[in-house]
Amino acid sequence: MGGQESLIANLNDPDEVRATVMIYGVGFDKSESKRLEKLKSSVLVITGGEDAGATQAAINFFASVREAKRPYEMLIYPGADHG
C-alpha cells in the first residue's frame, strides 16, 4: 500500500515530489494514463521476476506511463513472464 500512496502523493503534488518508489504490490497499474500525464519525476517499480501479479502490474503501469507520454525505463529480470 505504501507504493500506491507514494504514487498518489506524486500525482497530487508533482512539483514537490522528486521521485517515487514502489516495491511489489498491485493496484497502482489501475492509474489512468490521463492522470499520469502529471508526472514530472521518476518512478521506480521493483518486483520479483517470479511474482507474476506484481510483474504484470508493473508492465501494465508502464504501458499507461508510455501512453501518457512520460519518460520511463523498465527493466524486467529473468524469470519474469512478460509475454
N, C-alpha and C. Protein backbone atom coordinates (compact mmCIF):
# COMPACT_ATOMS: atom_id res chain seq x y z
N MET A 1 0.82 -1.19 0.00
CA MET A 1 0.00 0.00 0.00
C MET A 1 0.86 1.26 0.00
N GLY A 2 2.02 1.23 0.58
CA GLY A 2 2.88 2.40 0.62
C GLY A 2 3.29 2.90 -0.75
N GLY A 3 3.50 1.97 -1.68
CA GLY A 3 3.86 2.36 -3.04
C GLY A 3 2.75 3.13 -3.71
N GLN A 4 1.53 2.67 -3.53
CA GLN A 4 0.40 3.38 -4.10
C GLN A 4 0.28 4.77 -3.49
N GLU A 5 0.51 4.87 -2.19
CA GLU A 5 0.44 6.16 -1.51
C GLU A 5 1.51 7.12 -2.04
N SER A 6 2.70 6.60 -2.31
CA SER A 6 3.75 7.47 -2.84
C SER A 6 3.42 7.93 -4.26
N LEU A 7 2.79 7.07 -5.06
CA LEU A 7 2.36 7.47 -6.40
C LEU A 7 1.28 8.54 -6.31
N ILE A 8 0.33 8.36 -5.40
CA ILE A 8 -0.73 9.36 -5.21
C ILE A 8 -0.14 10.69 -4.79
N ALA A 9 0.84 10.66 -3.89
CA ALA A 9 1.50 11.90 -3.46
C ALA A 9 2.16 12.58 -4.65
N ASN A 10 2.81 11.80 -5.50
CA ASN A 10 3.45 12.34 -6.69
C ASN A 10 2.42 12.99 -7.61
N LEU A 11 1.32 12.32 -7.83
CA LEU A 11 0.30 12.83 -8.73
C LEU A 11 -0.43 14.05 -8.15
N ASN A 12 -0.57 14.09 -6.83
CA ASN A 12 -1.26 15.22 -6.19
C ASN A 12 -0.38 16.46 -6.09
N ASP A 13 0.93 16.29 -6.05
CA ASP A 13 1.83 17.43 -5.90
C ASP A 13 3.13 17.19 -6.69
N PRO A 14 3.02 17.11 -8.02
CA PRO A 14 4.19 16.73 -8.83
C PRO A 14 5.34 17.73 -8.78
N ASP A 15 5.09 18.95 -8.38
CA ASP A 15 6.18 19.93 -8.29
C ASP A 15 7.04 19.73 -7.04
N GLU A 16 6.51 19.05 -6.05
CA GLU A 16 7.23 18.85 -4.79
C GLU A 16 7.86 17.47 -4.65
N VAL A 17 7.38 16.50 -5.40
CA VAL A 17 7.88 15.12 -5.29
C VAL A 17 9.02 14.93 -6.28
N ARG A 18 10.15 14.44 -5.80
CA ARG A 18 11.33 14.27 -6.64
C ARG A 18 11.46 12.87 -7.23
N ALA A 19 10.83 11.89 -6.60
CA ALA A 19 10.89 10.52 -7.10
C ALA A 19 9.86 9.68 -6.35
N THR A 20 9.47 8.58 -6.97
CA THR A 20 8.53 7.65 -6.36
C THR A 20 9.10 6.25 -6.49
N VAL A 21 9.03 5.49 -5.40
CA VAL A 21 9.49 4.11 -5.40
C VAL A 21 8.34 3.22 -4.94
N MET A 22 8.06 2.20 -5.74
CA MET A 22 7.05 1.21 -5.38
C MET A 22 7.71 -0.16 -5.41
N ILE A 23 7.57 -0.89 -4.32
CA ILE A 23 8.18 -2.22 -4.23
C ILE A 23 7.06 -3.24 -4.12
N TYR A 24 7.01 -4.10 -5.12
CA TYR A 24 5.95 -5.11 -5.24
C TYR A 24 4.59 -4.44 -5.30
N GLY A 25 3.56 -5.16 -5.01
CA GLY A 25 2.23 -4.61 -4.96
C GLY A 25 1.49 -4.68 -6.29
N VAL A 26 0.21 -4.41 -6.19
CA VAL A 26 -0.67 -4.33 -7.35
C VAL A 26 -1.63 -3.17 -7.10
N GLY A 27 -2.40 -2.84 -8.08
CA GLY A 27 -3.37 -1.77 -7.93
C GLY A 27 -2.90 -0.46 -8.52
N PHE A 28 -1.61 -0.18 -8.40
CA PHE A 28 -1.07 1.06 -8.96
C PHE A 28 -1.20 1.08 -10.48
N ASP A 29 -1.33 -0.09 -11.06
CA ASP A 29 -1.46 -0.18 -12.52
C ASP A 29 -2.84 0.23 -13.02
N LYS A 30 -3.73 0.54 -12.11
CA LYS A 30 -5.08 0.99 -12.49
C LYS A 30 -5.12 2.49 -12.72
N SER A 31 -4.00 3.18 -12.55
CA SER A 31 -3.94 4.63 -12.75
C SER A 31 -4.21 4.96 -14.21
N GLU A 32 -5.08 5.91 -14.43
CA GLU A 32 -5.43 6.29 -15.79
C GLU A 32 -4.27 7.07 -16.43
N SER A 33 -4.01 6.81 -17.69
CA SER A 33 -2.90 7.47 -18.38
C SER A 33 -3.08 8.99 -18.39
N LYS A 34 -4.30 9.46 -18.45
CA LYS A 34 -4.56 10.91 -18.42
C LYS A 34 -4.04 11.51 -17.12
N ARG A 35 -4.26 10.82 -16.03
CA ARG A 35 -3.76 11.32 -14.72
C ARG A 35 -2.24 11.24 -14.65
N LEU A 36 -1.67 10.22 -15.28
CA LEU A 36 -0.21 10.05 -15.24
C LEU A 36 0.52 11.13 -16.02
N GLU A 37 -0.18 11.88 -16.85
CA GLU A 37 0.44 12.99 -17.57
C GLU A 37 1.01 14.03 -16.61
N LYS A 38 0.54 14.04 -15.37
CA LYS A 38 1.00 14.99 -14.36
C LYS A 38 2.40 14.65 -13.83
N LEU A 39 2.86 13.42 -14.05
CA LEU A 39 4.15 13.01 -13.51
C LEU A 39 5.28 13.88 -14.05
N LYS A 40 6.12 14.38 -13.15
CA LYS A 40 7.28 15.17 -13.55
C LYS A 40 8.58 14.52 -13.09
N SER A 41 8.48 13.58 -12.17
CA SER A 41 9.67 12.95 -11.62
C SER A 41 9.67 11.45 -11.91
N SER A 42 10.79 10.85 -11.62
CA SER A 42 10.98 9.43 -11.90
C SER A 42 10.12 8.54 -11.01
N VAL A 43 9.74 7.40 -11.57
CA VAL A 43 9.02 6.37 -10.83
C VAL A 43 9.80 5.08 -10.98
N LEU A 44 10.14 4.46 -9.86
CA LEU A 44 10.84 3.19 -9.85
C LEU A 44 9.90 2.14 -9.27
N VAL A 45 9.70 1.05 -10.01
CA VAL A 45 8.89 -0.06 -9.54
C VAL A 45 9.79 -1.28 -9.45
N ILE A 46 9.83 -1.90 -8.29
CA ILE A 46 10.66 -3.08 -8.08
C ILE A 46 9.75 -4.27 -7.80
N THR A 47 9.91 -5.32 -8.59
CA THR A 47 9.16 -6.54 -8.36
C THR A 47 10.09 -7.73 -8.52
N GLY A 48 9.67 -8.86 -8.02
CA GLY A 48 10.43 -10.09 -8.21
C GLY A 48 10.02 -10.73 -9.52
N GLY A 49 10.99 -11.25 -10.22
CA GLY A 49 10.72 -11.84 -11.52
C GLY A 49 9.74 -13.00 -11.51
N GLU A 50 9.62 -13.65 -10.39
CA GLU A 50 8.71 -14.79 -10.33
C GLU A 50 7.38 -14.44 -9.68
N ASP A 51 7.19 -13.18 -9.31
CA ASP A 51 5.92 -12.71 -8.76
C ASP A 51 5.08 -12.20 -9.94
N ALA A 52 4.35 -13.09 -10.54
CA ALA A 52 3.63 -12.78 -11.78
C ALA A 52 2.67 -11.61 -11.63
N GLY A 53 1.95 -11.54 -10.52
CA GLY A 53 0.97 -10.47 -10.33
C GLY A 53 1.62 -9.10 -10.27
N ALA A 54 2.67 -8.97 -9.45
CA ALA A 54 3.35 -7.69 -9.31
C ALA A 54 4.08 -7.30 -10.59
N THR A 55 4.67 -8.28 -11.26
CA THR A 55 5.38 -8.00 -12.51
C THR A 55 4.41 -7.55 -13.58
N GLN A 56 3.26 -8.20 -13.68
CA GLN A 56 2.27 -7.79 -14.67
C GLN A 56 1.72 -6.40 -14.35
N ALA A 57 1.54 -6.10 -13.06
CA ALA A 57 1.09 -4.76 -12.67
C ALA A 57 2.10 -3.71 -13.12
N ALA A 58 3.39 -4.00 -12.96
CA ALA A 58 4.43 -3.06 -13.40
C ALA A 58 4.38 -2.87 -14.91
N ILE A 59 4.23 -3.95 -15.65
CA ILE A 59 4.14 -3.86 -17.11
C ILE A 59 2.93 -3.03 -17.52
N ASN A 60 1.79 -3.27 -16.89
CA ASN A 60 0.58 -2.50 -17.20
C ASN A 60 0.77 -1.03 -16.85
N PHE A 61 1.38 -0.77 -15.70
CA PHE A 61 1.61 0.61 -15.27
C PHE A 61 2.47 1.36 -16.28
N PHE A 62 3.57 0.76 -16.68
CA PHE A 62 4.46 1.45 -17.60
C PHE A 62 3.86 1.58 -19.00
N ALA A 63 2.94 0.71 -19.36
CA ALA A 63 2.21 0.90 -20.63
C ALA A 63 1.37 2.17 -20.54
N SER A 64 0.76 2.41 -19.38
CA SER A 64 -0.01 3.63 -19.18
C SER A 64 0.89 4.85 -19.13
N VAL A 65 2.07 4.72 -18.53
CA VAL A 65 3.03 5.82 -18.49
C VAL A 65 3.46 6.17 -19.92
N ARG A 66 3.72 5.17 -20.72
CA ARG A 66 4.09 5.39 -22.12
C ARG A 66 2.95 6.08 -22.87
N GLU A 67 1.73 5.63 -22.64
CA GLU A 67 0.56 6.24 -23.28
C GLU A 67 0.41 7.71 -22.86
N ALA A 68 0.81 8.02 -21.63
CA ALA A 68 0.74 9.40 -21.12
C ALA A 68 1.91 10.24 -21.64
N LYS A 69 2.79 9.61 -22.40
CA LYS A 69 3.95 10.29 -23.00
C LYS A 69 4.89 10.85 -21.94
N ARG A 70 5.09 10.08 -20.87
CA ARG A 70 6.04 10.43 -19.82
C ARG A 70 7.27 9.56 -20.02
N PRO A 71 8.45 10.08 -19.73
CA PRO A 71 9.66 9.26 -19.88
C PRO A 71 9.67 8.12 -18.86
N TYR A 72 10.23 7.01 -19.27
CA TYR A 72 10.31 5.86 -18.35
C TYR A 72 11.40 4.91 -18.81
N GLU A 73 11.81 4.07 -17.90
CA GLU A 73 12.67 2.93 -18.21
C GLU A 73 12.11 1.76 -17.45
N MET A 74 12.09 0.61 -18.09
CA MET A 74 11.56 -0.58 -17.45
C MET A 74 12.58 -1.70 -17.61
N LEU A 75 12.93 -2.32 -16.50
CA LEU A 75 13.82 -3.48 -16.50
C LEU A 75 13.03 -4.68 -16.02
N ILE A 76 13.09 -5.75 -16.76
CA ILE A 76 12.44 -6.99 -16.34
C ILE A 76 13.53 -8.03 -16.20
N TYR A 77 13.66 -8.55 -15.01
CA TYR A 77 14.72 -9.50 -14.73
C TYR A 77 14.31 -10.90 -15.17
N PRO A 78 15.29 -11.74 -15.45
CA PRO A 78 15.00 -13.11 -15.89
C PRO A 78 14.05 -13.81 -14.92
N GLY A 79 13.19 -14.61 -15.49
CA GLY A 79 12.22 -15.32 -14.69
C GLY A 79 10.85 -14.69 -14.76
N ALA A 80 10.80 -13.44 -15.23
CA ALA A 80 9.51 -12.76 -15.35
C ALA A 80 8.82 -13.21 -16.63
N ASP A 81 7.59 -13.56 -16.50
CA ASP A 81 6.80 -13.95 -17.66
C ASP A 81 6.08 -12.71 -18.15
N HIS A 82 6.65 -12.03 -19.14
CA HIS A 82 6.08 -10.78 -19.59
C HIS A 82 5.55 -10.87 -21.01
N GLY A 83 5.24 -12.07 -21.44
CA GLY A 83 4.56 -12.26 -22.72
C GLY A 83 5.43 -11.96 -23.86
